Amino acid sequence: MKHTFYDVKAKAKVNADVTEFVTYGEAGRMRYAFKGKTADGRSLTAFVSKDVWEKAKKG
């Protein structure tokens, strides 16, 4: 699955494959994110809503 990430080093939006579905925080204060990699191997993180995260994880 592809998603749009913001590449901080390039200061531009990039499309990359989602490699992981992760959560941050504790119960009641969860944040949902997609992890990806740039072409040169740098990590990318995009925070998304719970609904988007759950739909992507299922499908």
PDB file of N, CA and C in Angstrom:
ATOM      1  N   MET A   1       0.843  -1.174   0.000  1.00  0.00           N
ATOM      2  CA  MET A   1       0.000   0.000   0.000  1.00  0.00           C
ATOM      3  C   MET A   1       0.890   1.239   0.000  1.00  0.00           C
ATOM      4  N   LYS A   2       0.538   2.217  -0.787  1.00  0.00           N
ATOM      5  CA  LYS A   2       1.268   3.481  -0.845  1.00  0.00           C
ATOM      6  C   LYS A   2       0.570   4.525   0.016  1.00  0.00           C
ATOM      7  N   HIS A   3       1.357   5.454   0.561  1.00  0.00           N
ATOM      8  CA  HIS A   3       0.825   6.557   1.342  1.00  0.00           C
ATOM      9  C   HIS A   3       1.732   7.762   1.123  1.00  0.00           C
ATOM     10  N   THR A   4       1.194   8.955   1.310  1.00  0.00           N
ATOM     11  CA  THR A   4       1.980  10.175   1.177  1.00  0.00           C
ATOM     12  C   THR A   4       2.607  10.519   2.521  1.00  0.00           C
ATOM     13  N   PHE A   5       3.912  10.660   2.524  1.00  0.00           N
ATOM     14  CA  PHE A   5       4.681  11.029   3.709  1.00  0.00           C
ATOM     15  C   PHE A   5       5.332  12.380   3.459  1.00  0.00           C
ATOM     16  N   TYR A   6       5.679  13.086   4.524  1.00  0.00           N
ATOM     17  CA  TYR A   6       6.451  14.320   4.385  1.00  0.00           C
ATOM     18  C   TYR A   6       7.907  13.982   4.690  1.00  0.00           C
ATOM     19  N   ASP A   7       8.776  14.191   3.722  1.00  0.00           N
ATOM     20  CA  ASP A   7      10.210  13.947   3.880  1.00  0.00           C
ATOM     21  C   ASP A   7      10.838  15.226   4.419  1.00  0.00           C
ATOM     22  N   VAL A   8      11.255  15.197   5.674  1.00  0.00           N
ATOM     23  CA  VAL A   8      11.780  16.389   6.340  1.00  0.00           C
ATOM     24  C   VAL A   8      13.079  16.853   5.691  1.00  0.00           C
ATOM     25  N   LYS A   9      13.955  15.927   5.356  1.00  0.00           N
ATOM     26  CA  LYS A   9      15.243  16.302   4.762  1.00  0.00           C
ATOM     27  C   LYS A   9      15.054  16.960   3.391  1.00  0.00           C
ATOM     28  N   ALA A  10      14.172  16.398   2.558  1.00  0.00           N
ATOM     29  CA  ALA A  10      13.924  16.949   1.220  1.00  0.00           C
ATOM     30  C   ALA A  10      12.921  18.103   1.251  1.00  0.00           C
ATOM     31  N   LYS A  11      12.232  18.277   2.389  1.00  0.00           N
ATOM     32  CA  LYS A  11      11.191  19.299   2.549  1.00  0.00           C
ATOM     33  C   LYS A  11      10.137  19.198   1.443  1.00  0.00           C
ATOM     34  N   ALA A  12       9.682  17.960   1.224  1.00  0.00           N
ATOM     35  CA  ALA A  12       8.684  17.713   0.185  1.00  0.00           C
ATOM     36  C   ALA A  12       7.874  16.475   0.549  1.00  0.00           C
ATOM     37  N   LYS A  13       6.685  16.392  -0.036  1.00  0.00           N
ATOM     38  CA  LYS A  13       5.862  15.197   0.143  1.00  0.00           C
ATOM     39  C   LYS A  13       6.325  14.136  -0.842  1.00  0.00           C
ATOM     40  N   VAL A  14       6.360  12.878  -0.371  1.00  0.00           N
ATOM     41  CA  VAL A  14       6.766  11.758  -1.215  1.00  0.00           C
ATOM     42  C   VAL A  14       5.779  10.615  -1.034  1.00  0.00           C
ATOM     43  N   ASN A  15       5.590   9.835  -2.078  1.00  0.00           N
ATOM     44  CA  ASN A  15       4.780   8.624  -1.983  1.00  0.00           C
ATOM     45  C   ASN A  15       5.716   7.450  -1.752  1.00  0.00           C
ATOM     46  N   ALA A  16       5.399   6.648  -0.744  1.00  0.00           N
ATOM     47  CA  ALA A  16       6.230   5.496  -0.423  1.00  0.00           C
ATOM     48  C   ALA A  16       5.347   4.359   0.054  1.00  0.00           C
ATOM     49  N   ASP A  17       5.871   3.152  -0.025  1.00  0.00           N
ATOM     50  CA  ASP A  17       5.151   1.982   0.466  1.00  0.00           C
ATOM     51  C   ASP A  17       5.125   1.995   1.989  1.00  0.00           C
ATOM     52  N   VAL A  18       3.979   1.618   2.550  1.00  0.00           N
ATOM     53  CA  VAL A  18       3.850   1.490   3.998  1.00  0.00           C
ATOM     54  C   VAL A  18       4.493   0.166   4.393  1.00  0.00           C
ATOM     55  N   THR A  19       5.450   0.226   5.331  1.00  0.00           N
ATOM     56  CA  THR A  19       6.137  -0.984   5.773  1.00  0.00           C
ATOM     57  C   THR A  19       5.611  -1.495   7.111  1.00  0.00           C
ATOM     58  N   GLU A  20       5.059  -0.596   7.934  1.00  0.00           N
ATOM     59  CA  GLU A  20       4.544  -0.981   9.247  1.00  0.00           C
ATOM     60  C   GLU A  20       3.327  -0.142   9.612  1.00  0.00           C
ATOM     61  N   PHE A  21       2.498  -0.716  10.472  1.00  0.00           N
ATOM     62  CA  PHE A  21       1.376  -0.019  11.093  1.00  0.00           C
ATOM     63  C   PHE A  21       1.703   0.029  12.580  1.00  0.00           C
ATOM     64  N   VAL A  22       1.928   1.212  13.135  1.00  0.00           N
ATOM     65  CA  VAL A  22       2.358   1.323  14.525  1.00  0.00           C
ATOM     66  C   VAL A  22       1.428   2.207  15.331  1.00  0.00           C
ATOM     67  N   THR A  23       1.483   2.011  16.657  1.00  0.00           N
ATOM     68  CA  THR A  23       0.734   2.862  17.585  1.00  0.00           C
ATOM     69  C   THR A  23       1.712   3.414  18.610  1.00  0.00           C
ATOM     70  N   TYR A  24       1.426   4.607  19.086  1.00  0.00           N
ATOM     71  CA  TYR A  24       2.236   5.258  20.108  1.00  0.00           C
ATOM     72  C   TYR A  24       1.317   5.688  21.238  1.00  0.00           C
ATOM     73  N   GLY A  25       1.833   5.683  22.465  1.00  0.00           N
ATOM     74  CA  GLY A  25       1.060   6.167  23.603  1.00  0.00           C
ATOM     75  C   GLY A  25       0.439   5.047  24.404  1.00  0.00           C
ATOM     76  N   GLU A  26      -0.367   5.440  25.365  1.00  0.00           N
ATOM     77  CA  GLU A  26      -1.039   4.480  26.234  1.00  0.00           C
ATOM     78  C   GLU A  26      -2.536   4.461  25.929  1.00  0.00           C
ATOM     79  N   ALA A  27      -3.218   3.507  26.512  1.00  0.00           N
ATOM     80  CA  ALA A  27      -4.662   3.380  26.276  1.00  0.00           C
ATOM     81  C   ALA A  27      -5.357   4.690  26.615  1.00  0.00           C
ATOM     82  N   GLY A  28      -6.232   5.117  25.728  1.00  0.00           N
ATOM     83  CA  GLY A  28      -6.943   6.371  25.922  1.00  0.00           C
ATOM     84  C   GLY A  28      -6.255   7.559  25.280  1.00  0.00           C
ATOM     85  N   ARG A  29      -4.984   7.421  24.969  1.00  0.00           N
ATOM     86  CA  ARG A  29      -4.225   8.509  24.328  1.00  0.00           C
ATOM     87  C   ARG A  29      -3.396   7.956  23.167  1.00  0.00           C
ATOM     88  N   MET A  30      -3.944   6.981  22.457  1.00  0.00           N
ATOM     89  CA  MET A  30      -3.230   6.330  21.355  1.00  0.00           C
ATOM     90  C   MET A  30      -3.099   7.244  20.148  1.00  0.00           C
ATOM     91  N   ARG A  31      -1.955   7.148  19.486  1.00  0.00           N
ATOM     92  CA  ARG A  31      -1.729   7.807  18.201  1.00  0.00           C
ATOM     93  C   ARG A  31      -1.400   6.704  17.209  1.00  0.00           C
ATOM     94  N   TYR A  32      -1.896   6.832  16.007  1.00  0.00           N
ATOM     95  CA  TYR A  32      -1.751   5.808  14.976  1.00  0.00           C
ATOM     96  C   TYR A  32      -0.881   6.342  13.848  1.00  0.00           C
ATOM     97  N   ALA A  33       0.015   5.482  13.340  1.00  0.00           N
ATOM     98  CA  ALA A  33       0.948   5.953  12.316  1.00  0.00           C
ATOM     99  C   ALA A  33       1.297   4.855  11.321  1.00  0.00           C
ATOM    100  N   PHE A  34       1.720   5.317  10.145  1.00  0.00           N
ATOM    101  CA  PHE A  34       2.289   4.440   9.125  1.00  0.00           C
ATOM    102  C   PHE A  34       3.791   4.720   9.096  1.00  0.00           C
ATOM    103  N   LYS A  35       4.588   3.672   8.901  1.00  0.00           N
ATOM    104  CA  LYS A  35       6.027   3.817   8.746  1.00  0.00           C
ATOM    105  C   LYS A  35       6.381   3.436   7.320  1.00  0.00           C
ATOM    106  N   GLY A  36       7.370   4.100   6.766  1.00  0.00           N
ATOM    107  CA  GLY A  36       7.834   3.821   5.416  1.00  0.00           C
ATOM    108  C   GLY A  36       9.309   4.131   5.294  1.00  0.00           C
ATOM    109  N   LYS A  37       9.870   3.947   4.095  1.00  0.00           N
ATOM    110  CA  LYS A  37      11.282   4.225   3.830  1.00  0.00           C
ATOM    111  C   LYS A  37      11.414   4.999   2.537  1.00  0.00           C
ATOM    112  N   THR A  38      12.380   5.911   2.490  1.00  0.00           N
ATOM    113  CA  THR A  38      12.687   6.622   1.256  1.00  0.00           C
ATOM    114  C   THR A  38      13.519   5.712   0.361  1.00  0.00           C
ATOM    115  N   ALA A  39      13.754   6.149  -0.862  1.00  0.00           N
ATOM    116  CA  ALA A  39      14.556   5.363  -1.801  1.00  0.00           C
ATOM    117  C   ALA A  39      15.980   5.150  -1.279  1.00  0.00           C
ATOM    118  N   ASP A  40      16.497   6.115  -0.507  1.00  0.00           N
ATOM    119  CA  ASP A  40      17.855   5.964   0.026  1.00  0.00           C
ATOM    120  C   ASP A  40      17.885   5.382   1.439  1.00  0.00           C
ATOM    121  N   GLY A  41      16.748   4.871   1.929  1.00  0.00           N
ATOM    122  CA  GLY A  41      16.714   4.119   3.183  1.00  0.00           C
ATOM    123  C   GLY A  41      16.378   4.887   4.444  1.00  0.00           C
ATOM    124  N   ARG A  42      16.060   6.184   4.340  1.00  0.00           N
ATOM    125  CA  ARG A  42      15.691   6.934   5.537  1.00  0.00           C
ATOM    126  C   ARG A  42      14.263   6.599   5.952  1.00  0.00           C
ATOM    127  N   SER A  43      13.991   6.647   7.251  1.00  0.00           N
ATOM    128  CA  SER A  43      12.672   6.323   7.780  1.00  0.00           C
ATOM    129  C   SER A  43      11.702   7.477   7.602  1.00  0.00           C
ATOM    130  N   LEU A  44      10.441   7.133   7.366  1.00  0.00           N
ATOM    131  CA  LEU A  44       9.359   8.106   7.251  1.00  0.00           C
ATOM    132  C   LEU A  44       8.240   7.686   8.189  1.00  0.00           C
ATOM    133  N   THR A  45       7.579   8.651   8.794  1.00  0.00           N
ATOM    134  CA  THR A  45       6.429   8.393   9.657  1.00  0.00           C
ATOM    135  C   THR A  45       5.319   9.367   9.298  1.00  0.00           C
ATOM    136  N   ALA A  46       4.097   8.840   9.181  1.00  0.00           N
ATOM    137  CA  ALA A  46       2.931   9.678   8.927  1.00  0.00           C
ATOM    138  C   ALA A  46       1.857   9.312   9.946  1.00  0.00           C
ATOM    139  N   PHE A  47       1.445  10.285  10.743  1.00  0.00           N
ATOM    140  CA  PHE A  47       0.375  10.056  11.709  1.00  0.00           C
ATOM    141  C   PHE A  47      -0.969  10.188  11.001  1.00  0.00           C
ATOM    142  N   VAL A  48      -1.869   9.239  11.288  1.00  0.00           N
ATOM    143  CA  VAL A  48      -3.168   9.189  10.632  1.00  0.00           C
ATOM    144  C   VAL A  48      -4.253   8.965  11.687  1.00  0.00           C
ATOM    145  N   SER A  49      -5.497   9.106  11.266  1.00  0.00           N
ATOM    146  CA  SER A  49      -6.613   8.873  12.189  1.00  0.00           C
ATOM    147  C   SER A  49      -6.778   7.367  12.438  1.00  0.00           C
ATOM    148  N   LYS A  50      -7.476   7.049  13.485  1.00  0.00           N
ATOM    149  CA  LYS A  50      -7.719   5.651  13.831  1.00  0.00           C
ATOM    150  C   LYS A  50      -8.493   4.940  12.725  1.00  0.00           C
ATOM    151  N   ASP A  51      -9.478   5.627  12.139  1.00  0.00           N
ATOM    152  CA  ASP A  51     -10.282   5.025  11.068  1.00  0.00           C
ATOM    153  C   ASP A  51      -9.429   4.670   9.852  1.00  0.00           C
ATOM    154  N   VAL A  52      -8.578   5.580   9.421  1.00  0.00           N
ATOM    155  CA  VAL A  52      -7.703   5.339   8.273  1.00  0.00           C
ATOM    156  C   VAL A  52      -6.745   4.186   8.577  1.00  0.00           C
ATOM    157  N   TRP A  53      -6.190   4.180   9.786  1.00  0.00           N
ATOM    158  CA  TRP A  53      -5.244   3.148  10.211  1.00  0.00           C
ATOM    159  C   TRP A  53      -5.899   1.762  10.198  1.00  0.00           C
ATOM    160  N   GLU A  54      -7.112   1.665  10.755  1.00  0.00           N
ATOM    161  CA  GLU A  54      -7.812   0.374  10.812  1.00  0.00           C
ATOM    162  C   GLU A  54      -8.212  -0.118   9.422  1.00  0.00           C
ATOM    163  N   LYS A  55      -8.700   0.773   8.539  1.00  0.00           N
ATOM    164  CA  LYS A  55      -9.048   0.379   7.182  1.00  0.00           C
ATOM    165  C   LYS A  55      -7.832  -0.141   6.426  1.00  0.00           C
ATOM    166  N   ALA A  56      -6.707   0.533   6.559  1.00  0.00           N
ATOM    167  CA  ALA A  56      -5.480   0.138   5.865  1.00  0.00           C
ATOM    168  C   ALA A  56      -4.958  -1.189   6.391  1.00  0.00           C
ATOM    169  N   LYS A  57      -5.060  -1.399   7.687  1.00  0.00           N
ATOM    170  CA  LYS A  57      -4.559  -2.641   8.274  1.00  0.00           C
ATOM    171  C   LYS A  57      -5.385  -3.848   7.837  1.00  0.00           C
ATOM    172  N   LYS A  58      -6.697  -3.650   7.657  1.00  0.00           N
ATOM    173  CA  LYS A  58      -7.578  -4.732   7.224  1.00  0.00           C
ATOM    174  C   LYS A  58      -7.390  -5.070   5.745  1.00  0.00           C
ATOM    175  N   GLY A  59      -7.198  -4.048   4.944  1.00  0.00           N
ATOM    176  CA  GLY A  59      -7.245  -4.269   3.522  1.00  0.00           C
ATOM    177  C   GLY A  59      -5.968  -4.104   2.839  1.00  0.00           C
TER     178      GLY A  59
END
